[in-house]
């Protein structure tokens, strides 16, 4: 059984030391660096933009996993590609033009992802899976870090895993929100291929390397 991947979320890091924090994730053996982009419209928070993606690109060789929690993401895909994104994930709820946006990402040579909020029906993936490389389950309501994992997400992960097995076995399932040492094993066993963790890794209660190691020990 393949080992699931870890994607530390840079949003939870110390932005005064952004380059060091990105490098710390790479040195810890993380697989991706996750970058949450929020616009204050699609979600009630404003966070990062292309300039932060570009700064991370200069600081690490990790694949940059850019998660656009923004309305009309198709307007900004070129900006994030230019900044150095390797993956771009858009939200199913944020645009009426999923196919066009996903095609644009893929045609730029990037991996394309589709994310869904906690109560968004999973049937959208039945049409989208042949087009995408990443399928992201939000296990909290998007917008803020440090929230509690929604337990019903485990069933959603398993159901999505069955869909992927049938329609696109190469698509990676990402899980974002409330992921911690105490629940990561259940999340992986439910079918997650990539776990995204912010405050559980950049928490000051241990080094990034120590926290990534603790995650690895539980992801069996």
C-alpha atoms as a PDB file:
ATOM      1  CA  UNK A   1       0.000   0.000   0.000  1.00  0.00           C
ATOM      2  CA  UNK A   2       1.544   3.349  -1.052  1.00  0.00           C
ATOM      3  CA  UNK A   3       2.473   5.768   1.694  1.00  0.00           C
ATOM      4  CA  UNK A   4       0.235   8.820   1.867  1.00  0.00           C
ATOM      5  CA  UNK A   5       1.790  12.216   1.374  1.00  0.00           C
ATOM      6  CA  UNK A   6       2.100  15.198   3.709  1.00  0.00           C
ATOM      7  CA  UNK A   7       1.529  18.782   2.585  1.00  0.00           C
ATOM      8  CA  UNK A   8       2.284  21.345   5.318  1.00  0.00           C
ATOM      9  CA  UNK A   9       0.139  24.460   4.946  1.00  0.00           C
ATOM     10  CA  UNK A  10       2.360  27.534   4.889  1.00  0.00           C
ATOM     11  CA  UNK A  11      -0.580  29.657   6.075  1.00  0.00           C
ATOM     12  CA  UNK A  12       0.082  28.456   9.646  1.00  0.00           C
ATOM     13  CA  UNK A  13       3.773  29.325   9.531  1.00  0.00           C
ATOM     14  CA  UNK A  14       5.656  32.358  10.838  1.00  0.00           C
ATOM     15  CA  UNK A  15       5.476  34.807   7.939  1.00  0.00           C
ATOM     16  CA  UNK A  16       8.404  36.778   9.319  1.00  0.00           C
ATOM     17  CA  UNK A  17      10.452  33.683   8.440  1.00  0.00           C
ATOM     18  CA  UNK A  18       8.588  32.551   5.322  1.00  0.00           C
ATOM     19  CA  UNK A  19      11.600  31.293   3.400  1.00  0.00           C
ATOM     20  CA  UNK A  20      12.948  29.415   6.402  1.00  0.00           C
ATOM     21  CA  UNK A  21       9.542  27.863   7.079  1.00  0.00           C
ATOM     22  CA  UNK A  22       9.220  26.674   3.470  1.00  0.00           C
ATOM     23  CA  UNK A  23      12.712  25.179   3.583  1.00  0.00           C
ATOM     24  CA  UNK A  24      11.928  23.530   6.923  1.00  0.00           C
ATOM     25  CA  UNK A  25       9.049  21.633   5.300  1.00  0.00           C
ATOM     26  CA  UNK A  26      11.351  20.390   2.555  1.00  0.00           C
ATOM     27  CA  UNK A  27      14.084  19.384   4.989  1.00  0.00           C
ATOM     28  CA  UNK A  28      11.489  17.540   7.087  1.00  0.00           C
ATOM     29  CA  UNK A  29      10.640  15.329   4.126  1.00  0.00           C
ATOM     30  CA  UNK A  30       7.259  16.823   3.247  1.00  0.00           C
ATOM     31  CA  UNK A  31       5.902  15.939  -0.175  1.00  0.00           C
ATOM     32  CA  UNK A  32       4.168  19.185  -1.145  1.00  0.00           C
ATOM     33  CA  UNK A  33       3.958  22.705   0.239  1.00  0.00           C
ATOM     34  CA  UNK A  34       0.310  23.736   0.467  1.00  0.00           C
ATOM     35  CA  UNK A  35      -0.562  27.396  -0.117  1.00  0.00           C
ATOM     36  CA  UNK A  36      -4.068  28.609   0.759  1.00  0.00           C
ATOM     37  CA  UNK A  37      -5.265  31.639  -1.203  1.00  0.00           C
ATOM     38  CA  UNK A  38      -8.384  33.394   0.152  1.00  0.00           C
ATOM     39  CA  UNK A  39     -10.086  36.476  -1.252  1.00  0.00           C
ATOM     40  CA  UNK A  40     -12.446  37.691   1.491  1.00  0.00           C
ATOM     41  CA  UNK A  41     -15.358  36.996  -0.857  1.00  0.00           C
ATOM     42  CA  UNK A  42     -15.626  33.263  -1.492  1.00  0.00           C
ATOM     43  CA  UNK A  43     -14.426  32.766   2.092  1.00  0.00           C
ATOM     44  CA  UNK A  44     -14.510  35.298   4.969  1.00  0.00           C
ATOM     45  CA  UNK A  45     -10.763  35.805   5.136  1.00  0.00           C
ATOM     46  CA  UNK A  46      -8.007  37.369   3.062  1.00  0.00           C
ATOM     47  CA  UNK A  47      -4.663  35.616   2.885  1.00  0.00           C
ATOM     48  CA  UNK A  48      -1.996  35.043   0.272  1.00  0.00           C
ATOM     49  CA  UNK A  49      -1.464  35.971  -3.344  1.00  0.00           C
ATOM     50  CA  UNK A  50       0.911  35.296  -6.238  1.00  0.00           C
ATOM     51  CA  UNK A  51       3.758  37.195  -4.568  1.00  0.00           C
ATOM     52  CA  UNK A  52       3.802  34.700  -1.674  1.00  0.00           C
ATOM     53  CA  UNK A  53       3.749  31.803  -4.116  1.00  0.00           C
ATOM     54  CA  UNK A  54       6.713  33.380  -5.910  1.00  0.00           C
ATOM     55  CA  UNK A  55       8.586  33.823  -2.607  1.00  0.00           C
ATOM     56  CA  UNK A  56       7.961  30.160  -1.720  1.00  0.00           C
ATOM     57  CA  UNK A  57       9.148  29.124  -5.181  1.00  0.00           C
ATOM     58  CA  UNK A  58      12.477  30.857  -4.519  1.00  0.00           C
ATOM     59  CA  UNK A  59      12.774  29.140  -1.132  1.00  0.00           C
ATOM     60  CA  UNK A  60      12.007  25.483  -1.826  1.00  0.00           C
ATOM     61  CA  UNK A  61      12.052  22.815  -4.489  1.00  0.00           C
ATOM     62  CA  UNK A  62       8.900  21.176  -3.107  1.00  0.00           C
ATOM     63  CA  UNK A  63       5.920  21.092  -5.477  1.00  0.00           C
ATOM     64  CA  UNK A  64       3.743  24.102  -4.645  1.00  0.00           C
ATOM     65  CA  UNK A  65       0.170  22.940  -4.086  1.00  0.00           C
ATOM     66  CA  UNK A  66      -1.882  26.113  -4.538  1.00  0.00           C
ATOM     67  CA  UNK A  67      -5.461  26.003  -3.252  1.00  0.00           C
ATOM     68  CA  UNK A  68      -7.578  28.850  -4.630  1.00  0.00           C
ATOM     69  CA  UNK A  69     -10.423  29.639  -2.240  1.00  0.00           C
ATOM     70  CA  UNK A  70     -11.428  32.559  -4.410  1.00  0.00           C
ATOM     71  CA  UNK A  71     -14.378  33.540  -6.569  1.00  0.00           C
ATOM     72  CA  UNK A  72     -13.893  33.337 -10.347  1.00  0.00           C
ATOM     73  CA  UNK A  73     -10.501  31.604 -10.076  1.00  0.00           C
ATOM     74  CA  UNK A  74     -10.182  31.444 -13.855  1.00  0.00           C
ATOM     75  CA  UNK A  75      -9.237  35.154 -13.803  1.00  0.00           C
ATOM     76  CA  UNK A  76      -6.032  34.448 -11.885  1.00  0.00           C
ATOM     77  CA  UNK A  77      -4.746  31.097 -13.149  1.00  0.00           C
ATOM     78  CA  UNK A  78      -2.038  32.657 -15.333  1.00  0.00           C
ATOM     79  CA  UNK A  79      -0.789  34.758 -12.398  1.00  0.00           C
ATOM     80  CA  UNK A  80      -0.325  31.733 -10.156  1.00  0.00           C
ATOM     81  CA  UNK A  81       1.314  29.707 -12.910  1.00  0.00           C
ATOM     82  CA  UNK A  82       3.796  32.541 -13.521  1.00  0.00           C
ATOM     83  CA  UNK A  83       4.456  32.756  -9.773  1.00  0.00           C
ATOM     84  CA  UNK A  84       5.597  29.128  -9.734  1.00  0.00           C
ATOM     85  CA  UNK A  85       2.621  26.947  -8.796  1.00  0.00           C
ATOM     86  CA  UNK A  86       2.936  23.254  -9.656  1.00  0.00           C
ATOM     87  CA  UNK A  87      -0.649  22.334  -8.766  1.00  0.00           C
ATOM     88  CA  UNK A  88      -3.691  24.607  -8.823  1.00  0.00           C
ATOM     89  CA  UNK A  89      -6.930  23.529  -7.156  1.00  0.00           C
ATOM     90  CA  UNK A  90     -10.150  25.465  -7.679  1.00  0.00           C
ATOM     91  CA  UNK A  91     -13.436  25.147  -5.787  1.00  0.00           C
ATOM     92  CA  UNK A  92     -16.478  23.622  -7.419  1.00  0.00           C
ATOM     93  CA  UNK A  93     -18.608  26.290  -5.724  1.00  0.00           C
ATOM     94  CA  UNK A  94     -16.500  29.237  -6.925  1.00  0.00           C
ATOM     95  CA  UNK A  95     -17.085  29.193 -10.680  1.00  0.00           C
ATOM     96  CA  UNK A  96     -19.646  28.167 -13.272  1.00  0.00           C
ATOM     97  CA  UNK A  97     -16.897  27.262 -15.700  1.00  0.00           C
ATOM     98  CA  UNK A  98     -15.171  24.263 -14.130  1.00  0.00           C
ATOM     99  CA  UNK A  99     -14.275  22.562 -17.380  1.00  0.00           C
ATOM    100  CA  UNK A 100     -12.708  25.652 -18.896  1.00  0.00           C
ATOM    101  CA  UNK A 101     -10.727  26.446 -15.752  1.00  0.00           C
ATOM    102  CA  UNK A 102      -9.434  22.901 -15.343  1.00  0.00           C
ATOM    103  CA  UNK A 103      -8.470  22.744 -19.014  1.00  0.00           C
ATOM    104  CA  UNK A 104      -6.578  26.022 -18.653  1.00  0.00           C
ATOM    105  CA  UNK A 105      -4.604  24.652 -15.702  1.00  0.00           C
ATOM    106  CA  UNK A 106      -3.776  21.419 -17.513  1.00  0.00           C
ATOM    107  CA  UNK A 107      -2.828  23.153 -20.745  1.00  0.00           C
ATOM    108  CA  UNK A 108      -0.293  25.166 -18.772  1.00  0.00           C
ATOM    109  CA  UNK A 109       1.478  21.966 -17.758  1.00  0.00           C
ATOM    110  CA  UNK A 110       0.275  22.049 -14.143  1.00  0.00           C
ATOM    111  CA  UNK A 111      -1.658  19.483 -12.132  1.00  0.00           C
ATOM    112  CA  UNK A 112      -5.315  20.446 -11.833  1.00  0.00           C
ATOM    113  CA  UNK A 113      -7.425  19.969  -8.722  1.00  0.00           C
ATOM    114  CA  UNK A 114     -11.071  20.353  -7.776  1.00  0.00           C
ATOM    115  CA  UNK A 115     -12.158  21.023  -4.177  1.00  0.00           C
ATOM    116  CA  UNK A 116     -15.563  20.689  -2.530  1.00  0.00           C
ATOM    117  CA  UNK A 117     -16.948  22.185   0.674  1.00  0.00           C
ATOM    118  CA  UNK A 118     -18.344  19.940   3.436  1.00  0.00           C
ATOM    119  CA  UNK A 119     -21.937  19.753   2.154  1.00  0.00           C
ATOM    120  CA  UNK A 120     -21.283  19.935  -1.581  1.00  0.00           C
ATOM    121  CA  UNK A 121     -22.491  16.672  -3.164  1.00  0.00           C
ATOM    122  CA  UNK A 122     -19.686  14.448  -4.415  1.00  0.00           C
ATOM    123  CA  UNK A 123     -21.420  13.645  -7.698  1.00  0.00           C
ATOM    124  CA  UNK A 124     -19.619  16.543  -9.397  1.00  0.00           C
ATOM    125  CA  UNK A 125     -16.528  14.343  -9.355  1.00  0.00           C
ATOM    126  CA  UNK A 126     -18.238  11.798 -11.604  1.00  0.00           C
ATOM    127  CA  UNK A 127     -17.862  14.286 -14.462  1.00  0.00           C
ATOM    128  CA  UNK A 128     -14.650  15.952 -13.289  1.00  0.00           C
ATOM    129  CA  UNK A 129     -12.433  12.986 -12.408  1.00  0.00           C
ATOM    130  CA  UNK A 130     -11.260  12.258 -15.967  1.00  0.00           C
ATOM    131  CA  UNK A 131      -9.975  15.855 -16.099  1.00  0.00           C
ATOM    132  CA  UNK A 132      -8.206  16.232 -12.759  1.00  0.00           C
ATOM    133  CA  UNK A 133      -5.117  15.096 -10.901  1.00  0.00           C
ATOM    134  CA  UNK A 134      -6.241  16.110  -7.398  1.00  0.00           C
ATOM    135  CA  UNK A 135      -9.610  15.843  -5.649  1.00  0.00           C
ATOM    136  CA  UNK A 136      -9.751  17.847  -2.433  1.00  0.00           C
ATOM    137  CA  UNK A 137     -12.217  17.194   0.379  1.00  0.00           C
ATOM    138  CA  UNK A 138     -12.680  20.131   2.748  1.00  0.00           C
ATOM    139  CA  UNK A 139     -13.070  18.642   6.216  1.00  0.00           C
ATOM    140  CA  UNK A 140     -13.846  22.032   7.784  1.00  0.00           C
ATOM    141  CA  UNK A 141     -15.699  25.046   6.488  1.00  0.00           C
ATOM    142  CA  UNK A 142     -13.078  26.914   4.467  1.00  0.00           C
ATOM    143  CA  UNK A 143     -11.731  30.270   5.548  1.00  0.00           C
ATOM    144  CA  UNK A 144      -9.776  29.846   8.757  1.00  0.00           C
ATOM    145  CA  UNK A 145      -7.134  27.532  10.177  1.00  0.00           C
ATOM    146  CA  UNK A 146      -7.334  25.696  13.481  1.00  0.00           C
ATOM    147  CA  UNK A 147     -10.887  24.366  13.076  1.00  0.00           C
ATOM    148  CA  UNK A 148     -12.127  20.979  14.287  1.00  0.00           C
ATOM    149  CA  UNK A 149     -12.290  18.135  11.780  1.00  0.00           C
ATOM    150  CA  UNK A 150     -15.853  17.317  10.653  1.00  0.00           C
ATOM    151  CA  UNK A 151     -16.234  13.594  11.384  1.00  0.00           C
ATOM    152  CA  UNK A 152     -18.644  13.018   8.518  1.00  0.00           C
ATOM    153  CA  UNK A 153     -15.734  13.774   6.201  1.00  0.00           C
ATOM    154  CA  UNK A 154     -14.396  10.243   6.702  1.00  0.00           C
ATOM    155  CA  UNK A 155     -17.368   8.742   4.886  1.00  0.00           C
ATOM    156  CA  UNK A 156     -16.992  11.334   2.109  1.00  0.00           C
ATOM    157  CA  UNK A 157     -13.330  10.406   1.687  1.00  0.00           C
ATOM    158  CA  UNK A 158     -14.217   6.727   1.360  1.00  0.00           C
ATOM    159  CA  UNK A 159     -16.992   7.396  -1.141  1.00  0.00           C
ATOM    160  CA  UNK A 160     -14.675   9.585  -3.196  1.00  0.00           C
ATOM    161  CA  UNK A 161     -12.040   6.840  -3.099  1.00  0.00           C
ATOM    162  CA  UNK A 162     -14.515   4.447  -4.693  1.00  0.00           C
ATOM    163  CA  UNK A 163     -15.260   7.003  -7.412  1.00  0.00           C
ATOM    164  CA  UNK A 164     -11.556   7.516  -8.089  1.00  0.00           C
ATOM    165  CA  UNK A 165     -10.960   3.765  -8.280  1.00  0.00           C
ATOM    166  CA  UNK A 166     -13.618   3.529 -10.960  1.00  0.00           C
ATOM    167  CA  UNK A 167     -13.025   6.702 -12.967  1.00  0.00           C
ATOM    168  CA  UNK A 168      -9.426   7.844 -12.396  1.00  0.00           C
ATOM    169  CA  UNK A 169      -7.237   5.670 -10.128  1.00  0.00           C
ATOM    170  CA  UNK A 170      -4.309   8.068 -10.592  1.00  0.00           C
ATOM    171  CA  UNK A 171      -6.170  11.002  -9.049  1.00  0.00           C
ATOM    172  CA  UNK A 172      -4.894  11.860  -5.558  1.00  0.00           C
ATOM    173  CA  UNK A 173      -7.416  12.557  -2.803  1.00  0.00           C
ATOM    174  CA  UNK A 174      -6.375  15.479  -0.619  1.00  0.00           C
ATOM    175  CA  UNK A 175      -7.954  16.244   2.763  1.00  0.00           C
ATOM    176  CA  UNK A 176      -7.774  19.763   4.162  1.00  0.00           C
ATOM    177  CA  UNK A 177      -8.986  20.993   7.534  1.00  0.00           C
ATOM    178  CA  UNK A 178      -8.617  19.900  11.132  1.00  0.00           C
ATOM    179  CA  UNK A 179      -6.029  17.246  10.328  1.00  0.00           C
ATOM    180  CA  UNK A 180      -4.036  16.320  13.442  1.00  0.00           C
ATOM    181  CA  UNK A 181      -1.852  13.617  14.918  1.00  0.00           C
ATOM    182  CA  UNK A 182      -4.917  12.164  16.652  1.00  0.00           C
ATOM    183  CA  UNK A 183      -7.025  11.707  13.504  1.00  0.00           C
ATOM    184  CA  UNK A 184      -4.576  11.364  10.601  1.00  0.00           C
ATOM    185  CA  UNK A 185      -4.540   7.568  10.786  1.00  0.00           C
ATOM    186  CA  UNK A 186      -8.332   7.422  10.358  1.00  0.00           C
ATOM    187  CA  UNK A 187      -8.136   9.911   7.485  1.00  0.00           C
ATOM    188  CA  UNK A 188      -5.511   7.855   5.648  1.00  0.00           C
ATOM    189  CA  UNK A 189      -7.368   4.610   6.252  1.00  0.00           C
ATOM    190  CA  UNK A 190     -10.532   6.202   4.852  1.00  0.00           C
ATOM    191  CA  UNK A 191      -8.683   6.760   1.582  1.00  0.00           C
ATOM    192  CA  UNK A 192      -6.697  10.004   1.694  1.00  0.00           C
ATOM    193  CA  UNK A 193      -3.589  10.129  -0.471  1.00  0.00           C
ATOM    194  CA  UNK A 194      -2.453  13.587   0.690  1.00  0.00           C
ATOM    195  CA  UNK A 195      -3.066  15.112   4.118  1.00  0.00           C
ATOM    196  CA  UNK A 196      -2.807  18.866   4.503  1.00  0.00           C
ATOM    197  CA  UNK A 197      -1.868  20.122   7.949  1.00  0.00           C
ATOM    198  CA  UNK A 198      -1.125  23.634   9.116  1.00  0.00           C
ATOM    199  CA  UNK A 199      -1.330  24.323  12.827  1.00  0.00           C
ATOM    200  CA  UNK A 200      -0.491  20.682  13.594  1.00  0.00           C
ATOM    201  CA  UNK A 201       2.894  21.104  11.920  1.00  0.00           C
ATOM    202  CA  UNK A 202       3.737  24.791  12.339  1.00  0.00           C
ATOM    203  CA  UNK A 203       2.670  24.894  15.973  1.00  0.00           C
ATOM    204  CA  UNK A 204       5.749  25.821  17.995  1.00  0.00           C
ATOM    205  CA  UNK A 205       5.321  22.665  20.114  1.00  0.00           C
ATOM    206  CA  UNK A 206       8.070  20.921  18.198  1.00  0.00           C
ATOM    207  CA  UNK A 207      10.117  21.528  15.098  1.00  0.00           C
ATOM    208  CA  UNK A 208       8.571  21.076  11.678  1.00  0.00           C
ATOM    209  CA  UNK A 209      10.793  18.019  11.249  1.00  0.00           C
ATOM    210  CA  UNK A 210       9.617  16.494  14.532  1.00  0.00           C
ATOM    211  CA  UNK A 211       5.974  17.107  13.713  1.00  0.00           C
ATOM    212  CA  UNK A 212       6.244  15.665  10.212  1.00  0.00           C
ATOM    213  CA  UNK A 213       7.934  12.606  11.703  1.00  0.00           C
ATOM    214  CA  UNK A 214       5.055  12.171  14.183  1.00  0.00           C
ATOM    215  CA  UNK A 215       2.594  12.317  11.293  1.00  0.00           C
ATOM    216  CA  UNK A 216       4.523   9.710   9.342  1.00  0.00           C
ATOM    217  CA  UNK A 217       4.446   7.375  12.323  1.00  0.00           C
ATOM    218  CA  UNK A 218       0.655   7.576  12.431  1.00  0.00           C
ATOM    219  CA  UNK A 219       0.058   7.306   8.693  1.00  0.00           C
ATOM    220  CA  UNK A 220       0.058   3.536   8.533  1.00  0.00           C
END
